Amino acid sequence: MRSHSEWFPEALLSLLYVPEHVAFNSPAVSCDCLAHVYGNAADHPDRVRRYPSDMTDAESAAVRPLLPVPAWFQGRGGRPEGYCHRQLLDAIRYLVAGGISWRAMPSDFPAWARVYAFFRRCREHGLIAEFHDRLRGTVREREGREAEPTAGIIDAQSVRATATVPAASRGYDGGKKVPGRKRHIVTDTLGLLLAVAVTAANIGDRDAAAGLLMRLRRLHRDITLVWADGGYTGSLVGWCRDKLALTLEIVKRTDDMAGFVVLPRRWVAERTFAWLMNSRRLARDYETLPATSEAMIRWSMVTRMSRRLGRPRSAGRH
């Protein structure tokens, strides 16, 4: 099994969060995030953790080494942050779990504009994708798997969009009779997210799958097999074989099946959609930009994975 030092390239290892405990800027702080250690977070009071979405101490300890470092820490511009990273993470988790608007952020969190600026910076610079992928690798290793998967499951989900979604990025799914957007995902066999794309709901599954699978192949070179439902049949199967050296295997219902039947492999992606719908911000699509919708999906999965890492391992698990 590959360790994280083998999985992450050396270029990325330099971006890992500082693991050592060092002297704090303030003599009395309760957090060891970079904003407290080197920044100005100690100027702001700590908050009492009272919401179900807040990280536990065990979660915080598990995810802290996996956070990308900010640009100012590497001397690449910007000023040291003035708000605790754990508080910012808890604020975003609260928003995604509770489905609130940015301006409805409770007063015990940093100001909503500060939280949104942190969220936008993570989205625009790919930091949330990097953080999410590191968490996924850690969860897989904890479950006794290789950090990098070799197989995946692709599926799509149509969701209604609110008035905040512009007409240019929304459509109507005639099959599901849903006006709004469509989420296209690829998961591993544990149901953890590998790739995601958000499109207008009128975009066909096969049309969106080509770009999504190309991205999957670029990000995960070890993957050789992807399971899919009958909506992905046709020329896409041959295109994946010839262009991506990828086997797209269609899992179909047989003629003797009646009513609801759990189909092999396909249920894994359906369960991931169910996980996402537990986050009220994802019950509908509220986001102006599809990229923001994709970021919200990753933040939802970050919460689920960090919860798993924060739980004590049951006896007999290796």
C-alpha atoms as a PDB file:
ATOM      1  CA  MET A   1       0.000   0.000   0.000  1.00  0.00           C
ATOM      2  CA  ARG A   2       1.328   3.414  -0.920  1.00  0.00           C
ATOM      3  CA  SER A   3       1.856   5.931   1.847  1.00  0.00           C
ATOM      4  CA  HIS A   4       0.970   9.602   1.511  1.00  0.00           C
ATOM      5  CA  SER A   5       4.623  10.454   0.895  1.00  0.00           C
ATOM      6  CA  GLU A   6       4.487   8.206  -2.198  1.00  0.00           C
ATOM      7  CA  TRP A   7       1.017   9.310  -3.264  1.00  0.00           C
ATOM      8  CA  PHE A   8       1.564  13.081  -3.187  1.00  0.00           C
ATOM      9  CA  PRO A   9       4.218  14.501  -5.526  1.00  0.00           C
ATOM     10  CA  GLU A  10       7.056  16.424  -3.913  1.00  0.00           C
ATOM     11  CA  ALA A  11       5.622  19.659  -5.317  1.00  0.00           C
ATOM     12  CA  LEU A  12       2.466  19.086  -3.297  1.00  0.00           C
ATOM     13  CA  LEU A  13       4.266  17.961  -0.146  1.00  0.00           C
ATOM     14  CA  SER A  14       5.600  21.482   0.266  1.00  0.00           C
ATOM     15  CA  LEU A  15       2.012  22.731   0.369  1.00  0.00           C
ATOM     16  CA  LEU A  16       0.951  20.523   3.265  1.00  0.00           C
ATOM     17  CA  TYR A  17      -0.054  22.207   6.473  1.00  0.00           C
ATOM     18  CA  VAL A  18       2.772  22.729   8.981  1.00  0.00           C
ATOM     19  CA  PRO A  19       2.762  19.617  11.225  1.00  0.00           C
ATOM     20  CA  GLU A  20       5.055  20.870  13.965  1.00  0.00           C
ATOM     21  CA  HIS A  21       3.852  22.837  16.970  1.00  0.00           C
ATOM     22  CA  VAL A  22       5.665  26.160  17.127  1.00  0.00           C
ATOM     23  CA  ALA A  23       5.568  29.309  19.233  1.00  0.00           C
ATOM     24  CA  PHE A  24       2.291  31.209  18.975  1.00  0.00           C
ATOM     25  CA  ASN A  25       1.889  34.914  18.332  1.00  0.00           C
ATOM     26  CA  SER A  26      -0.377  35.017  21.372  1.00  0.00           C
ATOM     27  CA  PRO A  27       0.480  33.470  24.766  1.00  0.00           C
ATOM     28  CA  ALA A  28      -3.077  32.158  25.186  1.00  0.00           C
ATOM     29  CA  VAL A  29      -4.757  30.556  22.192  1.00  0.00           C
ATOM     30  CA  SER A  30      -6.865  27.438  21.884  1.00  0.00           C
ATOM     31  CA  CYS A  31      -6.112  26.569  18.259  1.00  0.00           C
ATOM     32  CA  ASP A  32      -2.926  25.667  16.391  1.00  0.00           C
ATOM     33  CA  CYS A  33      -4.013  26.696  12.887  1.00  0.00           C
ATOM     34  CA  LEU A  34      -1.601  28.823  10.835  1.00  0.00           C
ATOM     35  CA  ALA A  35      -3.774  31.894  11.295  1.00  0.00           C
ATOM     36  CA  HIS A  36      -3.286  31.594  15.053  1.00  0.00           C
ATOM     37  CA  VAL A  37       0.361  30.571  14.940  1.00  0.00           C
ATOM     38  CA  TYR A  38       1.656  33.081  12.381  1.00  0.00           C
ATOM     39  CA  GLY A  39      -1.308  35.308  11.577  1.00  0.00           C
ATOM     40  CA  ASN A  40      -3.567  37.632  13.517  1.00  0.00           C
ATOM     41  CA  ALA A  41      -6.351  35.237  14.524  1.00  0.00           C
ATOM     42  CA  ALA A  42      -5.422  35.598  18.186  1.00  0.00           C
ATOM     43  CA  ASP A  43      -6.750  39.160  17.996  1.00  0.00           C
ATOM     44  CA  HIS A  44     -10.275  37.741  17.739  1.00  0.00           C
ATOM     45  CA  PRO A  45     -11.985  35.785  20.535  1.00  0.00           C
ATOM     46  CA  ASP A  46     -12.594  32.076  20.244  1.00  0.00           C
ATOM     47  CA  ARG A  47     -16.167  30.826  19.862  1.00  0.00           C
ATOM     48  CA  VAL A  48     -18.089  28.227  21.812  1.00  0.00           C
ATOM     49  CA  ARG A  49     -18.844  25.254  19.572  1.00  0.00           C
ATOM     50  CA  ARG A  50     -22.561  24.643  19.796  1.00  0.00           C
ATOM     51  CA  TYR A  51     -23.822  23.506  16.376  1.00  0.00           C
ATOM     52  CA  PRO A  52     -24.066  19.895  15.143  1.00  0.00           C
ATOM     53  CA  SER A  53     -22.009  20.849  12.078  1.00  0.00           C
ATOM     54  CA  ASP A  54     -19.034  22.057  14.165  1.00  0.00           C
ATOM     55  CA  MET A  55     -15.874  19.980  14.028  1.00  0.00           C
ATOM     56  CA  THR A  56     -14.978  17.957  17.076  1.00  0.00           C
ATOM     57  CA  ASP A  57     -11.434  18.157  18.415  1.00  0.00           C
ATOM     58  CA  ALA A  58     -10.760  14.720  16.924  1.00  0.00           C
ATOM     59  CA  GLU A  59     -11.937  15.900  13.506  1.00  0.00           C
ATOM     60  CA  SER A  60      -9.880  19.055  13.707  1.00  0.00           C
ATOM     61  CA  ALA A  61      -6.762  17.071  14.585  1.00  0.00           C
ATOM     62  CA  ALA A  62      -7.403  14.708  11.660  1.00  0.00           C
ATOM     63  CA  VAL A  63      -7.952  17.357   8.979  1.00  0.00           C
ATOM     64  CA  ARG A  64      -5.457  20.023  10.097  1.00  0.00           C
ATOM     65  CA  PRO A  65      -2.366  18.375   8.511  1.00  0.00           C
ATOM     66  CA  LEU A  66      -4.240  18.024   5.201  1.00  0.00           C
ATOM     67  CA  LEU A  67      -5.171  21.685   4.741  1.00  0.00           C
ATOM     68  CA  PRO A  68      -3.279  23.549   1.984  1.00  0.00           C
ATOM     69  CA  VAL A  69      -1.198  26.429   3.257  1.00  0.00           C
ATOM     70  CA  PRO A  70      -2.228  29.998   2.320  1.00  0.00           C
ATOM     71  CA  ALA A  71      -0.187  32.053  -0.149  1.00  0.00           C
ATOM     72  CA  TRP A  72       1.035  34.506   2.475  1.00  0.00           C
ATOM     73  CA  PHE A  73       2.714  31.703   4.414  1.00  0.00           C
ATOM     74  CA  GLN A  74       4.924  30.937   1.412  1.00  0.00           C
ATOM     75  CA  GLY A  75       5.699  34.594   0.729  1.00  0.00           C
ATOM     76  CA  ARG A  76       3.508  34.685  -2.399  1.00  0.00           C
ATOM     77  CA  GLY A  77       1.554  37.788  -1.487  1.00  0.00           C
ATOM     78  CA  GLY A  78      -1.349  38.635   0.748  1.00  0.00           C
ATOM     79  CA  ARG A  79      -1.410  39.441   4.417  1.00  0.00           C
ATOM     80  CA  PRO A  80      -1.581  36.955   7.291  1.00  0.00           C
ATOM     81  CA  GLU A  81      -5.149  35.907   7.933  1.00  0.00           C
ATOM     82  CA  GLY A  82      -6.975  37.380  10.877  1.00  0.00           C
ATOM     83  CA  TYR A  83      -9.542  34.631  11.414  1.00  0.00           C
ATOM     84  CA  CYS A  84      -9.077  31.133  12.761  1.00  0.00           C
ATOM     85  CA  HIS A  85      -9.107  28.477  10.049  1.00  0.00           C
ATOM     86  CA  ARG A  86     -11.164  26.134  12.219  1.00  0.00           C
ATOM     87  CA  GLN A  87     -13.817  28.820  12.670  1.00  0.00           C
ATOM     88  CA  LEU A  88     -13.922  29.453   8.921  1.00  0.00           C
ATOM     89  CA  LEU A  89     -14.281  25.744   8.208  1.00  0.00           C
ATOM     90  CA  ASP A  90     -17.043  25.436  10.799  1.00  0.00           C
ATOM     91  CA  ALA A  91     -18.857  28.409   9.255  1.00  0.00           C
ATOM     92  CA  ILE A  92     -18.846  26.881   5.768  1.00  0.00           C
ATOM     93  CA  ARG A  93     -19.940  23.523   7.156  1.00  0.00           C
ATOM     94  CA  TYR A  94     -22.816  25.266   8.946  1.00  0.00           C
ATOM     95  CA  LEU A  95     -23.925  26.984   5.738  1.00  0.00           C
ATOM     96  CA  VAL A  96     -23.790  23.784   3.659  1.00  0.00           C
ATOM     97  CA  ALA A  97     -25.518  21.646   6.291  1.00  0.00           C
ATOM     98  CA  GLY A  98     -28.213  24.179   7.214  1.00  0.00           C
ATOM     99  CA  GLY A  99     -28.954  25.602   3.773  1.00  0.00           C
ATOM    100  CA  ILE A 100     -28.771  29.225   4.943  1.00  0.00           C
ATOM    101  CA  SER A 101     -27.774  32.238   2.854  1.00  0.00           C
ATOM    102  CA  TRP A 102     -24.366  33.824   3.297  1.00  0.00           C
ATOM    103  CA  ARG A 103     -25.806  36.914   4.965  1.00  0.00           C
ATOM    104  CA  ALA A 104     -27.655  34.759   7.515  1.00  0.00           C
ATOM    105  CA  MET A 105     -24.381  33.554   9.058  1.00  0.00           C
ATOM    106  CA  PRO A 106     -24.741  33.494  12.887  1.00  0.00           C
ATOM    107  CA  SER A 107     -22.923  36.257  14.715  1.00  0.00           C
ATOM    108  CA  ASP A 108     -20.620  33.910  16.634  1.00  0.00           C
ATOM    109  CA  PHE A 109     -18.844  33.038  13.367  1.00  0.00           C
ATOM    110  CA  PRO A 110     -16.557  35.497  11.566  1.00  0.00           C
ATOM    111  CA  ALA A 111     -18.426  38.078   9.463  1.00  0.00           C
ATOM    112  CA  TRP A 112     -20.165  36.480   6.482  1.00  0.00           C
ATOM    113  CA  ALA A 113     -18.077  38.493   4.012  1.00  0.00           C
ATOM    114  CA  ARG A 114     -14.875  37.068   5.540  1.00  0.00           C
ATOM    115  CA  VAL A 115     -16.236  33.526   5.361  1.00  0.00           C
ATOM    116  CA  TYR A 116     -17.359  34.005   1.765  1.00  0.00           C
ATOM    117  CA  ALA A 117     -13.965  35.444   0.801  1.00  0.00           C
ATOM    118  CA  PHE A 118     -12.309  32.321   2.261  1.00  0.00           C
ATOM    119  CA  PHE A 119     -14.786  30.073   0.403  1.00  0.00           C
ATOM    120  CA  ARG A 120     -14.244  31.921  -2.893  1.00  0.00           C
ATOM    121  CA  ARG A 121     -10.463  31.804  -2.544  1.00  0.00           C
ATOM    122  CA  CYS A 122     -10.604  28.045  -1.961  1.00  0.00           C
ATOM    123  CA  ARG A 123     -12.836  27.622  -5.014  1.00  0.00           C
ATOM    124  CA  GLU A 124     -10.921  29.837  -7.429  1.00  0.00           C
ATOM    125  CA  HIS A 125      -7.466  28.477  -6.559  1.00  0.00           C
ATOM    126  CA  GLY A 126      -8.494  24.821  -6.423  1.00  0.00           C
ATOM    127  CA  LEU A 127      -7.782  24.567  -2.695  1.00  0.00           C
ATOM    128  CA  ILE A 128     -11.080  22.895  -1.841  1.00  0.00           C
ATOM    129  CA  ALA A 129     -10.469  20.239  -4.517  1.00  0.00           C
ATOM    130  CA  GLU A 130      -6.962  19.679  -3.151  1.00  0.00           C
ATOM    131  CA  PHE A 131      -8.204  19.480   0.446  1.00  0.00           C
ATOM    132  CA  HIS A 132     -11.052  17.143  -0.559  1.00  0.00           C
ATOM    133  CA  ASP A 133      -8.736  14.799  -2.475  1.00  0.00           C
ATOM    134  CA  ARG A 134      -6.273  14.578   0.415  1.00  0.00           C
ATOM    135  CA  LEU A 135      -9.108  13.686   2.783  1.00  0.00           C
ATOM    136  CA  ARG A 136     -10.353  11.027   0.369  1.00  0.00           C
ATOM    137  CA  GLY A 137      -6.918   9.424   0.147  1.00  0.00           C
ATOM    138  CA  THR A 138      -6.648   9.357   3.935  1.00  0.00           C
ATOM    139  CA  VAL A 139     -10.109   7.807   4.309  1.00  0.00           C
ATOM    140  CA  ARG A 140      -9.309   5.150   1.717  1.00  0.00           C
ATOM    141  CA  GLU A 141      -6.066   4.231   3.447  1.00  0.00           C
ATOM    142  CA  ARG A 142      -7.882   4.007   6.769  1.00  0.00           C
ATOM    143  CA  GLU A 143     -10.347   1.591   5.138  1.00  0.00           C
ATOM    144  CA  GLY A 144      -7.458  -0.602   3.993  1.00  0.00           C
ATOM    145  CA  ARG A 145      -7.500   0.569   0.362  1.00  0.00           C
ATOM    146  CA  GLU A 146      -4.894   2.144  -1.858  1.00  0.00           C
ATOM    147  CA  ALA A 147      -4.973   5.938  -1.754  1.00  0.00           C
ATOM    148  CA  GLU A 148      -5.641   5.994  -5.503  1.00  0.00           C
ATOM    149  CA  PRO A 149      -8.678   4.032  -6.771  1.00  0.00           C
ATOM    150  CA  THR A 150      -8.679   1.720  -9.792  1.00  0.00           C
ATOM    151  CA  ALA A 151     -12.433   1.677 -10.503  1.00  0.00           C
ATOM    152  CA  GLY A 152     -15.357   4.090 -10.308  1.00  0.00           C
ATOM    153  CA  ILE A 153     -19.095   4.539 -10.818  1.00  0.00           C
ATOM    154  CA  ILE A 154     -20.614   7.345 -12.906  1.00  0.00           C
ATOM    155  CA  ASP A 155     -24.137   8.707 -12.506  1.00  0.00           C
ATOM    156  CA  ALA A 156     -26.170  11.921 -12.749  1.00  0.00           C
ATOM    157  CA  GLN A 157     -28.839  13.660 -10.684  1.00  0.00           C
ATOM    158  CA  SER A 158     -31.201  16.451 -11.739  1.00  0.00           C
ATOM    159  CA  VAL A 159     -32.173  19.031  -9.104  1.00  0.00           C
ATOM    160  CA  ARG A 160     -34.478  22.004  -9.174  1.00  0.00           C
ATOM    161  CA  ALA A 161     -32.870  25.426  -9.379  1.00  0.00           C
ATOM    162  CA  THR A 162     -33.981  28.585  -7.626  1.00  0.00           C
ATOM    163  CA  ALA A 163     -34.419  32.048  -9.128  1.00  0.00           C
ATOM    164  CA  THR A 164     -30.779  32.879  -8.305  1.00  0.00           C
ATOM    165  CA  VAL A 165     -29.596  30.461 -11.004  1.00  0.00           C
ATOM    166  CA  PRO A 166     -29.257  32.338 -14.336  1.00  0.00           C
ATOM    167  CA  ALA A 167     -31.089  31.100 -17.417  1.00  0.00           C
ATOM    168  CA  ALA A 168     -27.802  30.529 -19.252  1.00  0.00           C
ATOM    169  CA  SER A 169     -26.816  27.656 -16.932  1.00  0.00           C
ATOM    170  CA  ARG A 170     -30.183  26.018 -16.295  1.00  0.00           C
ATOM    171  CA  GLY A 171     -32.448  23.835 -18.391  1.00  0.00           C
ATOM    172  CA  TYR A 172     -35.251  21.277 -18.320  1.00  0.00           C
ATOM    173  CA  ASP A 173     -34.709  17.543 -17.906  1.00  0.00           C
ATOM    174  CA  GLY A 174     -37.588  16.093 -19.904  1.00  0.00           C
ATOM    175  CA  GLY A 175     -37.030  12.563 -18.637  1.00  0.00           C
ATOM    176  CA  LYS A 176     -37.121  13.482 -14.956  1.00  0.00           C
ATOM    177  CA  LYS A 177     -39.390  16.505 -15.516  1.00  0.00           C
ATOM    178  CA  VAL A 178     -37.040  18.663 -13.452  1.00  0.00           C
ATOM    179  CA  PRO A 179     -36.242  22.303 -14.325  1.00  0.00           C
ATOM    180  CA  GLY A 180     -32.813  23.297 -13.099  1.00  0.00           C
ATOM    181  CA  ARG A 181     -29.353  21.758 -13.146  1.00  0.00           C
ATOM    182  CA  LYS A 182     -27.800  18.330 -13.333  1.00  0.00           C
ATOM    183  CA  ARG A 183     -24.983  16.956 -11.164  1.00  0.00           C
ATOM    184  CA  HIS A 184     -22.671  14.474 -12.856  1.00  0.00           C
ATOM    185  CA  ILE A 185     -20.398  12.553 -10.502  1.00  0.00           C
ATOM    186  CA  VAL A 186     -17.888   9.727 -10.509  1.00  0.00           C
ATOM    187  CA  THR A 187     -17.315   7.949  -7.198  1.00  0.00           C
ATOM    188  CA  ASP A 188     -14.972   5.210  -6.073  1.00  0.00           C
ATOM    189  CA  THR A 189     -16.321   1.884  -4.806  1.00  0.00           C
ATOM    190  CA  LEU A 190     -16.675   3.360  -1.309  1.00  0.00           C
ATOM    191  CA  GLY A 191     -18.931   6.117  -2.622  1.00  0.00           C
ATOM    192  CA  LEU A 192     -16.294   8.838  -2.196  1.00  0.00           C
ATOM    193  CA  LEU A 193     -16.271  11.563  -4.826  1.00  0.00           C
ATOM    194  CA  LEU A 194     -13.633  11.414  -7.571  1.00  0.00           C
ATOM    195  CA  ALA A 195     -14.929  13.968 -10.075  1.00  0.00           C
ATOM    196  CA  VAL A 196     -17.949  16.251 -10.371  1.00  0.00           C
ATOM    197  CA  ALA A 197     -19.449  18.516 -13.032  1.00  0.00           C
ATOM    198  CA  VAL A 198     -22.589  20.656 -12.799  1.00  0.00           C
ATOM    199  CA  THR A 199     -24.448  21.469 -16.023  1.00  0.00           C
ATOM    200  CA  ALA A 200     -27.862  22.635 -17.139  1.00  0.00           C
ATOM    201  CA  ALA A 201     -30.477  19.915 -16.634  1.00  0.00           C
ATOM    202  CA  ASN A 202     -31.094  19.554 -20.382  1.00  0.00           C
ATOM    203  CA  ILE A 203     -27.526  18.325 -21.010  1.00  0.00           C
ATOM    204  CA  GLY A 204     -27.588  14.585 -21.696  1.00  0.00           C
ATOM    205  CA  ASP A 205     -25.716  12.138 -19.521  1.00  0.00           C
ATOM    206  CA  ARG A 206     -23.531  10.932 -22.391  1.00  0.00           C
ATOM    207  CA  ASP A 207     -22.698  14.471 -23.520  1.00  0.00           C
ATOM    208  CA  ALA A 208     -21.511  15.496 -20.056  1.00  0.00           C
ATOM    209  CA  ALA A 209     -19.784  12.154 -19.402  1.00  0.00           C
ATOM    210  CA  ALA A 210     -17.161  12.667 -22.115  1.00  0.00           C
ATOM    211  CA  GLY A 211     -15.654  15.740 -20.460  1.00  0.00           C
ATOM    212  CA  LEU A 212     -16.084  14.298 -16.970  1.00  0.00           C
ATOM    213  CA  LEU A 213     -14.335  11.033 -17.835  1.00  0.00           C
ATOM    214  CA  MET A 214     -11.491  12.913 -19.530  1.00  0.00           C
ATOM    215  CA  ARG A 215     -11.006  14.863 -16.307  1.00  0.00           C
ATOM    216  CA  LEU A 216     -11.224  11.638 -14.305  1.00  0.00           C
ATOM    217  CA  ARG A 217      -8.539   9.993 -16.460  1.00  0.00           C
ATOM    218  CA  ARG A 218      -6.267  13.008 -16.060  1.00  0.00           C
ATOM    219  CA  LEU A 219      -6.648  13.141 -12.273  1.00  0.00           C
ATOM    220  CA  HIS A 220      -6.658   9.396 -11.554  1.00  0.00           C
ATOM    221  CA  ARG A 221      -4.307   7.549 -13.872  1.00  0.00           C
ATOM    222  CA  ASP A 222      -4.814   4.189 -12.108  1.00  0.00           C
ATOM    223  CA  ILE A 223      -8.511   3.943 -12.976  1.00  0.00           C
ATOM    224  CA  THR A 224      -9.231   1.392 -15.706  1.00  0.00           C
ATOM    225  CA  LEU A 225     -12.907   0.529 -15.113  1.00  0.00           C
ATOM    226  CA  VAL A 226     -16.050   2.638 -14.663  1.00  0.00           C
ATOM    227  CA  TRP A 227     -19.549   1.229 -14.131  1.00  0.00           C
ATOM    228  CA  ALA A 228     -22.558   3.098 -15.514  1.00  0.00           C
ATOM    229  CA  ASP A 229     -26.295   2.725 -16.088  1.00  0.00           C
ATOM    230  CA  GLY A 230     -28.111   2.304 -19.382  1.00  0.00           C
ATOM    231  CA  GLY A 231     -28.118   6.044 -20.034  1.00  0.00           C
ATOM    232  CA  TYR A 232     -24.449   5.848 -21.017  1.00  0.00           C
ATOM    233  CA  THR A 233     -24.763   3.211 -23.750  1.00  0.00           C
ATOM    234  CA  GLY A 234     -23.852   3.865 -27.364  1.00  0.00           C
ATOM    235  CA  SER A 235     -20.712   5.327 -28.892  1.00  0.00           C
ATOM    236  CA  LEU A 236     -19.443   6.514 -25.505  1.00  0.00           C
ATOM    237  CA  VAL A 237     -18.372   2.960 -24.628  1.00  0.00           C
ATOM    238  CA  GLY A 238     -16.105   2.678 -27.662  1.00  0.00           C
ATOM    239  CA  TRP A 239     -14.865   6.251 -27.280  1.00  0.00           C
ATOM    240  CA  CYS A 240     -13.747   5.529 -23.708  1.00  0.00           C
ATOM    241  CA  ARG A 241     -11.959   2.377 -24.848  1.00  0.00           C
ATOM    242  CA  ASP A 242     -10.181   4.009 -27.795  1.00  0.00           C
ATOM    243  CA  LYS A 243      -9.445   7.491 -26.471  1.00  0.00           C
ATOM    244  CA  LEU A 244      -9.068   6.982 -22.719  1.00  0.00           C
ATOM    245  CA  ALA A 245      -8.022   3.309 -22.456  1.00  0.00           C
ATOM    246  CA  LEU A 246     -10.935   3.021 -20.050  1.00  0.00           C
ATOM    247  CA  THR A 247     -13.528   0.253 -19.811  1.00  0.00           C
ATOM    248  CA  LEU A 248     -17.054   1.647 -19.432  1.00  0.00           C
ATOM    249  CA  GLU A 249     -19.193  -1.259 -18.235  1.00  0.00           C
ATOM    250  CA  ILE A 250     -22.974  -0.838 -18.428  1.00  0.00           C
ATOM    251  CA  VAL A 251     -24.937  -2.371 -15.559  1.00  0.00           C
ATOM    252  CA  LYS A 252     -28.442  -3.030 -16.891  1.00  0.00           C
ATOM    253  CA  ARG A 253     -31.711  -4.262 -15.472  1.00  0.00           C
ATOM    254  CA  THR A 254     -32.709  -7.679 -16.783  1.00  0.00           C
ATOM    255  CA  ASP A 255     -36.120  -8.371 -18.306  1.00  0.00           C
ATOM    256  CA  ASP A 256     -37.274 -10.427 -15.332  1.00  0.00           C
ATOM    257  CA  MET A 257     -36.757  -7.575 -12.837  1.00  0.00           C
ATOM    258  CA  ALA A 258     -39.944  -5.980 -11.516  1.00  0.00           C
ATOM    259  CA  GLY A 259     -40.234  -2.983  -9.215  1.00  0.00           C
ATOM    260  CA  PHE A 260     -37.332  -1.572  -7.248  1.00  0.00           C
ATOM    261  CA  VAL A 261     -34.159  -3.655  -7.443  1.00  0.00           C
ATOM    262  CA  VAL A 262     -30.736  -2.785  -6.053  1.00  0.00           C
ATOM    263  CA  LEU A 263     -28.359  -3.125  -8.977  1.00  0.00           C
ATOM    264  CA  PRO A 264     -24.704  -4.058  -8.476  1.00  0.00           C
ATOM    265  CA  ARG A 265     -22.299  -1.111  -8.263  1.00  0.00           C
ATOM    266  CA  ARG A 266     -24.897   1.462  -9.351  1.00  0.00           C
ATOM    267  CA  TRP A 267     -26.301   1.707  -5.820  1.00  0.00           C
ATOM    268  CA  VAL A 268     -22.965   3.144  -4.628  1.00  0.00           C
ATOM    269  CA  ALA A 269     -23.364   6.365  -6.626  1.00  0.00           C
ATOM    270  CA  GLU A 270     -27.050   6.575  -5.648  1.00  0.00           C
ATOM    271  CA  ARG A 271     -26.019   6.406  -1.999  1.00  0.00           C
ATOM    272  CA  THR A 272     -23.559   9.247  -2.587  1.00  0.00           C
ATOM    273  CA  PHE A 273     -26.404  11.372  -3.964  1.00  0.00           C
ATOM    274  CA  ALA A 274     -28.376  10.531  -0.819  1.00  0.00           C
ATOM    275  CA  TRP A 275     -25.427  11.691   1.296  1.00  0.00           C
ATOM    276  CA  LEU A 276     -25.330  14.969  -0.608  1.00  0.00           C
ATOM    277  CA  MET A 277     -29.049  15.565  -0.141  1.00  0.00           C
ATOM    278  CA  ASN A 278     -28.530  15.450   3.629  1.00  0.00           C
ATOM    279  CA  SER A 279     -26.905  18.858   3.173  1.00  0.00           C
ATOM    280  CA  ARG A 280     -29.802  21.277   2.897  1.00  0.00           C
ATOM    281  CA  ARG A 281     -27.805  23.697   0.735  1.00  0.00           C
ATOM    282  CA  LEU A 282     -27.782  20.925  -1.903  1.00  0.00           C
ATOM    283  CA  ALA A 283     -31.499  20.072  -1.729  1.00  0.00           C
ATOM    284  CA  ARG A 284     -31.843  22.583  -4.576  1.00  0.00           C
ATOM    285  CA  ASP A 285     -29.297  24.482  -6.613  1.00  0.00           C
ATOM    286  CA  TYR A 286     -29.013  28.036  -5.279  1.00  0.00           C
ATOM    287  CA  GLU A 287     -25.686  28.979  -6.839  1.00  0.00           C
ATOM    288  CA  THR A 288     -25.158  31.542  -9.597  1.00  0.00           C
ATOM    289  CA  LEU A 289     -22.044  29.764 -10.902  1.00  0.00           C
ATOM    290  CA  PRO A 290     -21.842  26.025 -11.653  1.00  0.00           C
ATOM    291  CA  ALA A 291     -18.322  26.121 -10.160  1.00  0.00           C
ATOM    292  CA  THR A 292     -19.828  27.229  -6.852  1.00  0.00           C
ATOM    293  CA  SER A 293     -22.277  24.321  -6.979  1.00  0.00           C
ATOM    294  CA  GLU A 294     -19.356  21.946  -7.509  1.00  0.00           C
ATOM    295  CA  ALA A 295     -17.525  23.511  -4.569  1.00  0.00           C
ATOM    296  CA  MET A 296     -20.600  23.068  -2.344  1.00  0.00           C
ATOM    297  CA  ILE A 297     -20.714  19.391  -3.276  1.00  0.00           C
ATOM    298  CA  ARG A 298     -17.065  18.980  -2.326  1.00  0.00           C
ATOM    299  CA  TRP A 299     -17.605  20.782   0.997  1.00  0.00           C
ATOM    300  CA  SER A 300     -20.475  18.413   1.775  1.00  0.00           C
ATOM    301  CA  MET A 301     -18.221  15.429   1.123  1.00  0.00           C
ATOM    302  CA  VAL A 302     -15.430  17.030   3.168  1.00  0.00           C
ATOM    303  CA  THR A 303     -17.769  17.103   6.163  1.00  0.00           C
ATOM    304  CA  ARG A 304     -18.716  13.443   5.704  1.00  0.00           C
ATOM    305  CA  MET A 305     -15.109  12.304   5.328  1.00  0.00           C
ATOM    306  CA  SER A 306     -13.832  14.342   8.277  1.00  0.00           C
ATOM    307  CA  ARG A 307     -16.637  12.882  10.413  1.00  0.00           C
ATOM    308  CA  ARG A 308     -15.419   9.426   9.462  1.00  0.00           C
ATOM    309  CA  LEU A 309     -11.814  10.267  10.303  1.00  0.00           C
ATOM    310  CA  GLY A 310     -12.852  11.802  13.620  1.00  0.00           C
ATOM    311  CA  ARG A 311     -14.634   8.669  14.816  1.00  0.00           C
ATOM    312  CA  PRO A 312     -12.632   6.098  16.799  1.00  0.00           C
ATOM    313  CA  ARG A 313     -11.915   2.971  14.822  1.00  0.00           C
ATOM    314  CA  SER A 314     -14.062   0.002  15.813  1.00  0.00           C
ATOM    315  CA  ALA A 315     -12.399  -3.108  17.188  1.00  0.00           C
ATOM    316  CA  GLY A 316     -11.292  -5.569  14.559  1.00  0.00           C
ATOM    317  CA  ARG A 317     -10.879  -2.944  11.804  1.00  0.00           C
ATOM    318  CA  HIS A 318      -7.405  -2.806  10.270  1.00  0.00           C
END
